[in-house]
Amino acid sequence: MKRALWPLVLFVLLAVLLGVGLRLKPREVPSPLVGKPAPAFKLAQLHEPEQLLTPEQMRGKVWMLNVWASWCGACREEHPVLVGFARNAAVPLIGLNYKDQRPDALGWLEQHGNPYVASLVDRDGRTGLDYGVYGVPETFVIDRQGVIRFKQIGPVTDEVLRTRILPLLKELGA
């Protein structure tokens, strides 16, 4: 009789694990970088390739880094939110154009609007890797000391902006 119950026990255990897994929110994967200094980089700007930007130049400011690409469908979804955010620019929004072709990226910004103070070129994706990017879009809030305080995996929506990012920016004194 006990032997007959094992398949039932195994089924119930798998059902419980599946139920727990379905309740997890994949967009809320904790980043090991939150609370740590933003990785260093020295990248050319998309519009002015002779101009370089580093996180050190942003020291003393609260700022946001948005990883995007012209080939990214979800970036198209979040872009109007970022354009609206940039109009009231509480903080500088820096773009990190990830694994993209320069003409495609420039054309995309011209067509959809450019919310970025500067957009940087990460052609080979190394800087994205340093930031733990495993898909675009991703957005980081970085404080005055250069510490990553928040990471959004996936599109920034009006709700995420209203409930997570703007309160954090206010808390950081931006």
N, C-alpha and C. Protein backbone atom coordinates (compact mmCIF):
# COMPACT_ATOMS: atom_id res chain seq x y z
N MET A 1 0.81 -1.19 0.00
CA MET A 1 0.00 0.00 0.00
C MET A 1 0.87 1.26 0.00
N LYS A 2 1.95 1.29 0.78
CA LYS A 2 2.83 2.46 0.84
C LYS A 2 3.45 2.73 -0.52
N ARG A 3 3.80 1.71 -1.22
CA ARG A 3 4.44 1.86 -2.53
C ARG A 3 3.49 2.55 -3.52
N ALA A 4 2.23 2.33 -3.40
CA ALA A 4 1.23 2.93 -4.29
C ALA A 4 1.07 4.43 -4.01
N LEU A 5 1.40 4.88 -2.82
CA LEU A 5 1.26 6.30 -2.47
C LEU A 5 2.41 7.17 -2.98
N TRP A 6 3.55 6.61 -3.26
CA TRP A 6 4.72 7.40 -3.71
C TRP A 6 4.42 8.24 -4.95
N PRO A 7 3.80 7.69 -5.99
CA PRO A 7 3.49 8.55 -7.15
C PRO A 7 2.58 9.72 -6.78
N LEU A 8 1.62 9.48 -5.89
CA LEU A 8 0.73 10.55 -5.46
C LEU A 8 1.49 11.62 -4.67
N VAL A 9 2.35 11.20 -3.76
CA VAL A 9 3.16 12.13 -2.97
C VAL A 9 4.07 12.94 -3.90
N LEU A 10 4.70 12.28 -4.85
CA LEU A 10 5.58 12.96 -5.81
C LEU A 10 4.80 13.97 -6.64
N PHE A 11 3.60 13.59 -7.09
CA PHE A 11 2.76 14.49 -7.87
C PHE A 11 2.38 15.73 -7.06
N VAL A 12 1.98 15.55 -5.82
CA VAL A 12 1.59 16.67 -4.96
C VAL A 12 2.78 17.59 -4.73
N LEU A 13 3.95 17.03 -4.49
CA LEU A 13 5.16 17.83 -4.28
C LEU A 13 5.49 18.65 -5.52
N LEU A 14 5.42 18.04 -6.69
CA LEU A 14 5.69 18.77 -7.94
C LEU A 14 4.65 19.86 -8.17
N ALA A 15 3.38 19.58 -7.84
CA ALA A 15 2.32 20.58 -8.00
C ALA A 15 2.57 21.78 -7.09
N VAL A 16 3.01 21.53 -5.86
CA VAL A 16 3.32 22.61 -4.93
C VAL A 16 4.48 23.45 -5.46
N LEU A 17 5.54 22.80 -5.92
CA LEU A 17 6.69 23.53 -6.47
C LEU A 17 6.28 24.35 -7.69
N LEU A 18 5.46 23.80 -8.56
CA LEU A 18 4.98 24.54 -9.73
C LEU A 18 4.17 25.75 -9.28
N GLY A 19 3.29 25.56 -8.30
CA GLY A 19 2.49 26.67 -7.78
C GLY A 19 3.34 27.79 -7.22
N VAL A 20 4.37 27.45 -6.48
CA VAL A 20 5.29 28.45 -5.93
C VAL A 20 6.02 29.16 -7.06
N GLY A 21 6.49 28.40 -8.03
CA GLY A 21 7.22 28.98 -9.16
C GLY A 21 6.38 29.94 -9.98
N LEU A 22 5.10 29.63 -10.14
CA LEU A 22 4.22 30.50 -10.91
C LEU A 22 3.93 31.83 -10.20
N ARG A 23 4.13 31.88 -8.90
CA ARG A 23 3.89 33.12 -8.15
C ARG A 23 5.11 34.04 -8.16
N LEU A 24 6.26 33.54 -8.57
CA LEU A 24 7.46 34.38 -8.62
C LEU A 24 7.34 35.40 -9.73
N LYS A 25 7.99 36.52 -9.54
CA LYS A 25 7.96 37.59 -10.54
C LYS A 25 9.34 37.68 -11.18
N PRO A 26 9.48 37.20 -12.43
CA PRO A 26 10.80 37.18 -13.05
C PRO A 26 11.41 38.56 -13.24
N ARG A 27 10.60 39.61 -13.29
CA ARG A 27 11.14 40.97 -13.44
C ARG A 27 11.75 41.48 -12.15
N GLU A 28 11.53 40.76 -11.05
CA GLU A 28 12.05 41.19 -9.77
C GLU A 28 13.20 40.31 -9.30
N VAL A 29 13.99 39.84 -10.26
CA VAL A 29 15.18 39.07 -9.93
C VAL A 29 16.15 40.00 -9.23
N PRO A 30 16.56 39.69 -8.01
CA PRO A 30 17.47 40.60 -7.32
C PRO A 30 18.83 40.66 -8.04
N SER A 31 19.35 41.84 -8.18
CA SER A 31 20.64 42.01 -8.82
C SER A 31 21.73 42.06 -7.76
N PRO A 32 22.81 41.32 -7.96
CA PRO A 32 23.91 41.40 -7.00
C PRO A 32 24.61 42.76 -7.04
N LEU A 33 24.31 43.58 -8.04
CA LEU A 33 24.96 44.89 -8.15
C LEU A 33 24.26 45.97 -7.32
N VAL A 34 22.99 45.75 -6.95
CA VAL A 34 22.28 46.76 -6.17
C VAL A 34 22.98 46.90 -4.81
N GLY A 35 23.35 48.15 -4.49
CA GLY A 35 24.09 48.42 -3.26
C GLY A 35 25.59 48.43 -3.47
N LYS A 36 26.03 48.20 -4.69
CA LYS A 36 27.47 48.20 -5.00
C LYS A 36 27.78 49.30 -6.01
N PRO A 37 29.04 49.73 -6.09
CA PRO A 37 29.40 50.77 -7.06
C PRO A 37 29.11 50.33 -8.49
N ALA A 38 28.64 51.28 -9.27
CA ALA A 38 28.39 51.02 -10.69
C ALA A 38 29.70 50.68 -11.37
N PRO A 39 29.71 49.64 -12.21
CA PRO A 39 30.94 49.29 -12.93
C PRO A 39 31.44 50.45 -13.79
N ALA A 40 32.74 50.54 -13.86
CA ALA A 40 33.38 51.61 -14.64
C ALA A 40 33.26 51.31 -16.14
N PHE A 41 33.21 52.37 -16.92
CA PHE A 41 33.28 52.26 -18.37
C PHE A 41 33.78 53.59 -18.91
N LYS A 42 34.18 53.57 -20.15
CA LYS A 42 34.58 54.78 -20.86
C LYS A 42 34.10 54.57 -22.29
N LEU A 43 32.94 55.15 -22.60
CA LEU A 43 32.28 54.85 -23.88
C LEU A 43 32.02 56.11 -24.70
N ALA A 44 32.04 55.92 -26.00
CA ALA A 44 31.74 57.00 -26.94
C ALA A 44 30.24 57.27 -26.95
N GLN A 45 29.89 58.52 -27.17
CA GLN A 45 28.49 58.90 -27.29
C GLN A 45 28.00 58.60 -28.70
N LEU A 46 26.76 58.18 -28.80
CA LEU A 46 26.16 57.80 -30.08
C LEU A 46 26.15 58.98 -31.06
N HIS A 47 25.71 60.13 -30.60
CA HIS A 47 25.59 61.30 -31.48
C HIS A 47 26.92 62.01 -31.72
N GLU A 48 27.83 61.89 -30.76
CA GLU A 48 29.14 62.54 -30.87
C GLU A 48 30.22 61.52 -30.49
N PRO A 49 30.61 60.66 -31.43
CA PRO A 49 31.54 59.56 -31.12
C PRO A 49 32.88 60.01 -30.54
N GLU A 50 33.26 61.26 -30.78
CA GLU A 50 34.53 61.75 -30.24
C GLU A 50 34.41 62.10 -28.75
N GLN A 51 33.19 62.22 -28.25
CA GLN A 51 32.93 62.54 -26.86
C GLN A 51 32.77 61.25 -26.05
N LEU A 52 33.56 61.11 -24.99
CA LEU A 52 33.48 59.93 -24.14
C LEU A 52 32.77 60.28 -22.83
N LEU A 53 32.13 59.29 -22.23
CA LEU A 53 31.47 59.50 -20.94
C LEU A 53 31.84 58.35 -20.02
N THR A 54 32.03 58.67 -18.75
CA THR A 54 32.33 57.66 -17.72
C THR A 54 31.38 57.87 -16.54
N PRO A 55 31.15 56.85 -15.75
CA PRO A 55 30.33 57.03 -14.54
C PRO A 55 30.96 58.04 -13.58
N GLU A 56 32.28 58.14 -13.59
CA GLU A 56 32.97 59.09 -12.71
C GLU A 56 32.53 60.53 -13.01
N GLN A 57 32.24 60.81 -14.28
CA GLN A 57 31.77 62.15 -14.65
C GLN A 57 30.38 62.45 -14.09
N MET A 58 29.65 61.41 -13.71
CA MET A 58 28.31 61.59 -13.17
C MET A 58 28.31 61.67 -11.65
N ARG A 59 29.49 61.50 -11.04
CA ARG A 59 29.60 61.56 -9.57
C ARG A 59 29.00 62.85 -9.05
N GLY A 60 28.30 62.77 -7.94
CA GLY A 60 27.66 63.93 -7.35
C GLY A 60 26.24 64.14 -7.85
N LYS A 61 25.81 63.33 -8.83
CA LYS A 61 24.46 63.43 -9.38
C LYS A 61 23.76 62.08 -9.21
N VAL A 62 22.47 62.13 -8.98
CA VAL A 62 21.65 60.94 -9.11
C VAL A 62 21.33 60.85 -10.60
N TRP A 63 21.46 59.65 -11.18
CA TRP A 63 21.20 59.50 -12.61
C TRP A 63 20.65 58.13 -12.91
N MET A 64 20.12 57.99 -14.11
CA MET A 64 19.58 56.71 -14.55
C MET A 64 20.30 56.26 -15.81
N LEU A 65 20.54 54.96 -15.89
CA LEU A 65 21.14 54.34 -17.06
C LEU A 65 20.12 53.39 -17.64
N ASN A 66 19.73 53.63 -18.89
CA ASN A 66 18.75 52.78 -19.56
C ASN A 66 19.43 52.05 -20.71
N VAL A 67 19.41 50.72 -20.64
CA VAL A 67 20.01 49.88 -21.68
C VAL A 67 18.93 49.61 -22.73
N TRP A 68 19.21 49.96 -23.99
CA TRP A 68 18.22 49.86 -25.06
C TRP A 68 18.87 49.46 -26.37
N ALA A 69 18.05 49.11 -27.34
CA ALA A 69 18.54 48.79 -28.69
C ALA A 69 17.42 49.03 -29.70
N SER A 70 17.78 49.36 -30.92
CA SER A 70 16.78 49.61 -31.96
C SER A 70 16.05 48.32 -32.34
N TRP A 71 16.67 47.19 -32.15
CA TRP A 71 16.07 45.90 -32.51
C TRP A 71 15.19 45.32 -31.40
N CYS A 72 15.05 46.03 -30.30
CA CYS A 72 14.35 45.54 -29.11
C CYS A 72 12.87 45.96 -29.13
N GLY A 73 11.98 44.97 -29.19
CA GLY A 73 10.55 45.26 -29.18
C GLY A 73 10.08 45.87 -27.87
N ALA A 74 10.58 45.36 -26.75
CA ALA A 74 10.16 45.89 -25.44
C ALA A 74 10.65 47.32 -25.24
N CYS A 75 11.75 47.69 -25.89
CA CYS A 75 12.25 49.07 -25.81
C CYS A 75 11.24 50.03 -26.44
N ARG A 76 10.60 49.58 -27.48
CA ARG A 76 9.57 50.39 -28.14
C ARG A 76 8.39 50.61 -27.19
N GLU A 77 8.11 49.61 -26.38
CA GLU A 77 7.02 49.69 -25.40
C GLU A 77 7.32 50.72 -24.31
N GLU A 78 8.56 50.74 -23.81
CA GLU A 78 8.90 51.65 -22.71
C GLU A 78 9.27 53.05 -23.18
N HIS A 79 9.60 53.21 -24.44
CA HIS A 79 10.15 54.47 -24.93
C HIS A 79 9.25 55.69 -24.66
N PRO A 80 7.94 55.61 -24.91
CA PRO A 80 7.11 56.78 -24.60
C PRO A 80 7.15 57.17 -23.12
N VAL A 81 7.28 56.19 -22.24
CA VAL A 81 7.38 56.47 -20.80
C VAL A 81 8.67 57.25 -20.53
N LEU A 82 9.77 56.82 -21.16
CA LEU A 82 11.05 57.51 -20.96
C LEU A 82 11.04 58.91 -21.55
N VAL A 83 10.40 59.07 -22.70
CA VAL A 83 10.29 60.39 -23.32
C VAL A 83 9.52 61.33 -22.39
N GLY A 84 8.42 60.84 -21.81
CA GLY A 84 7.64 61.64 -20.86
C GLY A 84 8.44 61.97 -19.61
N PHE A 85 9.18 60.99 -19.11
CA PHE A 85 10.02 61.20 -17.93
C PHE A 85 11.07 62.27 -18.22
N ALA A 86 11.68 62.22 -19.40
CA ALA A 86 12.75 63.16 -19.75
C ALA A 86 12.24 64.59 -19.84
N ARG A 87 10.97 64.78 -20.20
CA ARG A 87 10.41 66.13 -20.29
C ARG A 87 10.48 66.85 -18.95
N ASN A 88 10.28 66.11 -17.87
CA ASN A 88 10.31 66.69 -16.53
C ASN A 88 11.62 66.40 -15.82
N ALA A 89 12.53 65.78 -16.50
CA ALA A 89 13.87 65.41 -16.09
C ALA A 89 14.26 65.75 -14.66
N ALA A 90 13.87 64.89 -13.75
CA ALA A 90 14.32 65.03 -12.36
C ALA A 90 15.80 64.70 -12.25
N VAL A 91 16.24 63.79 -13.10
CA VAL A 91 17.64 63.35 -13.11
C VAL A 91 18.07 63.12 -14.56
N PRO A 92 19.38 63.14 -14.83
CA PRO A 92 19.83 62.83 -16.18
C PRO A 92 19.54 61.36 -16.52
N LEU A 93 19.06 61.15 -17.73
CA LEU A 93 18.82 59.80 -18.25
C LEU A 93 19.87 59.53 -19.32
N ILE A 94 20.73 58.56 -19.04
CA ILE A 94 21.79 58.17 -19.97
C ILE A 94 21.37 56.87 -20.63
N GLY A 95 21.49 56.81 -21.93
CA GLY A 95 21.18 55.59 -22.66
C GLY A 95 22.44 54.76 -22.86
N LEU A 96 22.30 53.45 -22.88
CA LEU A 96 23.39 52.54 -23.23
C LEU A 96 22.88 51.72 -24.39
N ASN A 97 23.28 52.10 -25.59
CA ASN A 97 22.83 51.42 -26.80
C ASN A 97 23.60 50.11 -26.93
N TYR A 98 22.88 49.02 -26.77
CA TYR A 98 23.45 47.68 -26.56
C TYR A 98 23.45 46.84 -27.83
N LYS A 99 24.64 46.45 -28.26
CA LYS A 99 24.82 45.53 -29.40
C LYS A 99 24.00 45.96 -30.61
N ASP A 100 24.18 47.19 -31.02
CA ASP A 100 23.37 47.78 -32.08
C ASP A 100 24.27 48.35 -33.17
N GLN A 101 23.70 48.62 -34.30
CA GLN A 101 24.39 49.32 -35.38
C GLN A 101 24.12 50.81 -35.23
N ARG A 102 25.15 51.63 -35.33
CA ARG A 102 25.02 53.07 -35.12
C ARG A 102 23.93 53.70 -36.00
N PRO A 103 23.90 53.43 -37.32
CA PRO A 103 22.83 54.05 -38.13
C PRO A 103 21.43 53.63 -37.69
N ASP A 104 21.27 52.38 -37.29
CA ASP A 104 19.95 51.91 -36.83
C ASP A 104 19.55 52.64 -35.54
N ALA A 105 20.50 52.78 -34.63
CA ALA A 105 20.21 53.44 -33.35
C ALA A 105 19.87 54.91 -33.57
N LEU A 106 20.65 55.60 -34.39
CA LEU A 106 20.38 57.01 -34.67
C LEU A 106 19.01 57.19 -35.32
N GLY A 107 18.70 56.33 -36.28
CA GLY A 107 17.41 56.40 -36.96
C GLY A 107 16.25 56.14 -36.01
N TRP A 108 16.45 55.19 -35.12
CA TRP A 108 15.41 54.83 -34.15
C TRP A 108 15.10 56.01 -33.23
N LEU A 109 16.16 56.67 -32.73
CA LEU A 109 15.95 57.83 -31.86
C LEU A 109 15.30 58.99 -32.61
N GLU A 110 15.68 59.17 -33.87
CA GLU A 110 15.09 60.24 -34.66
C GLU A 110 13.60 59.97 -34.88
N GLN A 111 13.26 58.72 -35.11
CA GLN A 111 11.87 58.35 -35.36
C GLN A 111 11.00 58.39 -34.10
N HIS A 112 11.53 57.93 -32.98
CA HIS A 112 10.74 57.77 -31.76
C HIS A 112 10.96 58.84 -30.71
N GLY A 113 11.96 59.70 -30.91
CA GLY A 113 12.28 60.73 -29.93
C GLY A 113 13.47 60.32 -29.09
N ASN A 114 14.22 61.31 -28.62
CA ASN A 114 15.44 61.03 -27.87
C ASN A 114 15.32 61.56 -26.44
N PRO A 115 15.06 60.65 -25.48
CA PRO A 115 14.93 61.09 -24.10
C PRO A 115 16.25 61.23 -23.36
N TYR A 116 17.35 60.87 -24.01
CA TYR A 116 18.64 60.75 -23.33
C TYR A 116 19.46 62.04 -23.37
N VAL A 117 20.08 62.34 -22.24
CA VAL A 117 21.06 63.42 -22.18
C VAL A 117 22.23 63.02 -23.07
N ALA A 118 22.59 61.75 -23.02
CA ALA A 118 23.61 61.16 -23.89
C ALA A 118 23.27 59.68 -24.02
N SER A 119 23.53 59.14 -25.19
CA SER A 119 23.39 57.70 -25.37
C SER A 119 24.76 57.17 -25.75
N LEU A 120 25.19 56.14 -25.04
CA LEU A 120 26.53 55.60 -25.21
C LEU A 120 26.50 54.34 -26.04
N VAL A 121 27.59 54.07 -26.72
CA VAL A 121 27.66 52.92 -27.63
C VAL A 121 28.35 51.75 -26.94
N ASP A 122 27.60 50.65 -26.79
CA ASP A 122 28.13 49.40 -26.25
C ASP A 122 28.01 48.34 -27.35
N ARG A 123 28.78 48.54 -28.39
CA ARG A 123 28.68 47.72 -29.61
C ARG A 123 28.88 46.23 -29.34
N ASP A 124 29.86 45.88 -28.52
CA ASP A 124 30.16 44.46 -28.28
C ASP A 124 29.44 43.90 -27.05
N GLY A 125 28.76 44.74 -26.31
CA GLY A 125 27.99 44.29 -25.16
C GLY A 125 28.79 44.07 -23.88
N ARG A 126 30.06 44.44 -23.87
CA ARG A 126 30.88 44.21 -22.68
C ARG A 126 30.43 45.03 -21.47
N THR A 127 30.08 46.27 -21.71
CA THR A 127 29.62 47.10 -20.59
C THR A 127 28.30 46.54 -20.04
N GLY A 128 27.43 46.13 -20.95
CA GLY A 128 26.19 45.49 -20.51
C GLY A 128 26.45 44.28 -19.65
N LEU A 129 27.42 43.48 -20.04
CA LEU A 129 27.78 42.30 -19.23
C LEU A 129 28.27 42.71 -17.85
N ASP A 130 29.07 43.77 -17.80
CA ASP A 130 29.57 44.26 -16.51
C ASP A 130 28.41 44.67 -15.59
N TYR A 131 27.33 45.15 -16.18
CA TYR A 131 26.16 45.57 -15.42
C TYR A 131 25.17 44.43 -15.19
N GLY A 132 25.52 43.24 -15.64
CA GLY A 132 24.64 42.09 -15.43
C GLY A 132 23.42 42.08 -16.32
N VAL A 133 23.51 42.74 -17.47
CA VAL A 133 22.38 42.79 -18.40
C VAL A 133 22.27 41.44 -19.09
N TYR A 134 21.06 40.89 -19.03
CA TYR A 134 20.84 39.65 -19.78
C TYR A 134 19.65 39.79 -20.70
N GLY A 135 19.22 40.98 -20.94
CA GLY A 135 18.16 41.28 -21.89
C GLY A 135 17.88 42.76 -21.86
N VAL A 136 17.41 43.29 -22.96
CA VAL A 136 17.06 44.70 -23.00
C VAL A 136 15.55 44.82 -23.09
N PRO A 137 14.99 45.84 -22.54
CA PRO A 137 15.62 46.93 -21.81
C PRO A 137 15.86 46.59 -20.34
N GLU A 138 16.81 47.27 -19.77
CA GLU A 138 17.06 47.24 -18.33
C GLU A 138 17.43 48.67 -17.93
N THR A 139 17.05 49.04 -16.73
CA THR A 139 17.27 50.41 -16.27
C THR A 139 17.83 50.40 -14.85
N PHE A 140 18.80 51.25 -14.61
CA PHE A 140 19.47 51.35 -13.30
C PHE A 140 19.31 52.77 -12.77
N VAL A 141 19.10 52.88 -11.46
CA VAL A 141 19.16 54.18 -10.77
C VAL A 141 20.46 54.17 -9.98
N ILE A 142 21.27 55.21 -10.19
CA ILE A 142 22.59 55.30 -9.57
C ILE A 142 22.65 56.57 -8.74
N ASP A 143 23.11 56.44 -7.50
CA ASP A 143 23.09 57.58 -6.58
C ASP A 143 24.30 58.49 -6.76
N ARG A 144 24.38 59.54 -5.94
CA ARG A 144 25.44 60.56 -6.03
C ARG A 144 26.84 59.99 -5.80
N GLN A 145 26.94 58.91 -5.05
CA GLN A 145 28.24 58.27 -4.78
C GLN A 145 28.60 57.23 -5.84
N GLY A 146 27.74 57.05 -6.83
CA GLY A 146 28.02 56.09 -7.89
C GLY A 146 27.61 54.66 -7.54
N VAL A 147 26.68 54.52 -6.60
CA VAL A 147 26.21 53.20 -6.17
C VAL A 147 24.88 52.90 -6.84
N ILE A 148 24.74 51.70 -7.38
CA ILE A 148 23.49 51.27 -7.99
C ILE A 148 22.47 51.07 -6.88
N ARG A 149 21.35 51.75 -6.99
CA ARG A 149 20.32 51.66 -5.96
C ARG A 149 19.09 50.88 -6.41
N PHE A 150 18.93 50.69 -7.73
CA PHE A 150 17.74 50.01 -8.25
C PHE A 150 18.04 49.49 -9.64
N LYS A 151 17.47 48.32 -9.95
CA LYS A 151 17.58 47.76 -11.29
C LYS A 151 16.20 47.29 -11.72
N GLN A 152 15.76 47.77 -12.88
CA GLN A 152 14.49 47.34 -13.48
C GLN A 152 14.82 46.43 -14.64
N ILE A 153 14.36 45.19 -14.56
CA ILE A 153 14.52 44.26 -15.67
C ILE A 153 13.26 44.34 -16.50
N GLY A 154 13.40 44.61 -17.78
CA GLY A 154 12.24 44.78 -18.64
C GLY A 154 11.85 46.24 -18.74
N PRO A 155 10.77 46.49 -19.45
CA PRO A 155 10.37 47.88 -19.72
C PRO A 155 10.00 48.65 -18.46
N VAL A 156 10.37 49.92 -18.46
CA VAL A 156 9.89 50.85 -17.43
C VAL A 156 8.48 51.23 -17.86
N THR A 157 7.52 50.92 -17.03
CA THR A 157 6.13 51.26 -17.30
C THR A 157 5.77 52.49 -16.47
N ASP A 158 4.60 53.05 -16.75
CA ASP A 158 4.12 54.17 -15.93
C ASP A 158 4.03 53.76 -14.47
N GLU A 159 3.56 52.53 -14.23
CA GLU A 159 3.42 52.04 -12.85
C GLU A 159 4.77 51.91 -12.15
N VAL A 160 5.76 51.33 -12.83
CA VAL A 160 7.09 51.19 -12.25
C VAL A 160 7.69 52.56 -11.97
N LEU A 161 7.51 53.47 -12.90
CA LEU A 161 8.02 54.83 -12.72
C LEU A 161 7.37 55.48 -11.50
N ARG A 162 6.05 55.38 -11.41
CA ARG A 162 5.29 56.02 -10.34
C ARG A 162 5.52 55.38 -8.97
N THR A 163 5.58 54.04 -8.92
CA THR A 163 5.62 53.36 -7.62
C THR A 163 7.01 53.00 -7.14
N ARG A 164 7.98 52.91 -8.05
CA ARG A 164 9.31 52.47 -7.63
C ARG A 164 10.39 53.53 -7.88
N ILE A 165 10.46 54.03 -9.11
CA ILE A 165 11.58 54.91 -9.48
C ILE A 165 11.42 56.31 -8.90
N LEU A 166 10.29 56.95 -9.12
CA LEU A 166 10.12 58.33 -8.63
C LEU A 166 10.23 58.42 -7.11
N PRO A 167 9.63 57.49 -6.34
CA PRO A 167 9.85 57.56 -4.88
C PRO A 167 11.32 57.38 -4.48
N LEU A 168 12.03 56.51 -5.19
CA LEU A 168 13.46 56.33 -4.90
C LEU A 168 14.23 57.60 -5.23
N LEU A 169 13.93 58.22 -6.36
CA LEU A 169 14.62 59.46 -6.74
C LEU A 169 14.38 60.54 -5.68
N LYS A 170 13.16 60.61 -5.19
CA LYS A 170 12.84 61.59 -4.14
C LYS A 170 13.64 61.28 -2.87
N GLU A 171 13.70 60.00 -2.51
CA GLU A 171 14.46 59.57 -1.34
C GLU A 171 15.94 59.92 -1.47
N LEU A 172 16.45 59.84 -2.70
CA LEU A 172 17.86 60.13 -2.95
C LEU A 172 18.13 61.63 -3.09
N GLY A 173 17.09 62.43 -2.99
CA GLY A 173 17.27 63.88 -3.05
C GLY A 173 17.42 64.43 -4.44
N ALA A 174 16.87 63.74 -5.41
CA ALA A 174 16.97 64.22 -6.79
C ALA A 174 15.86 65.20 -7.10
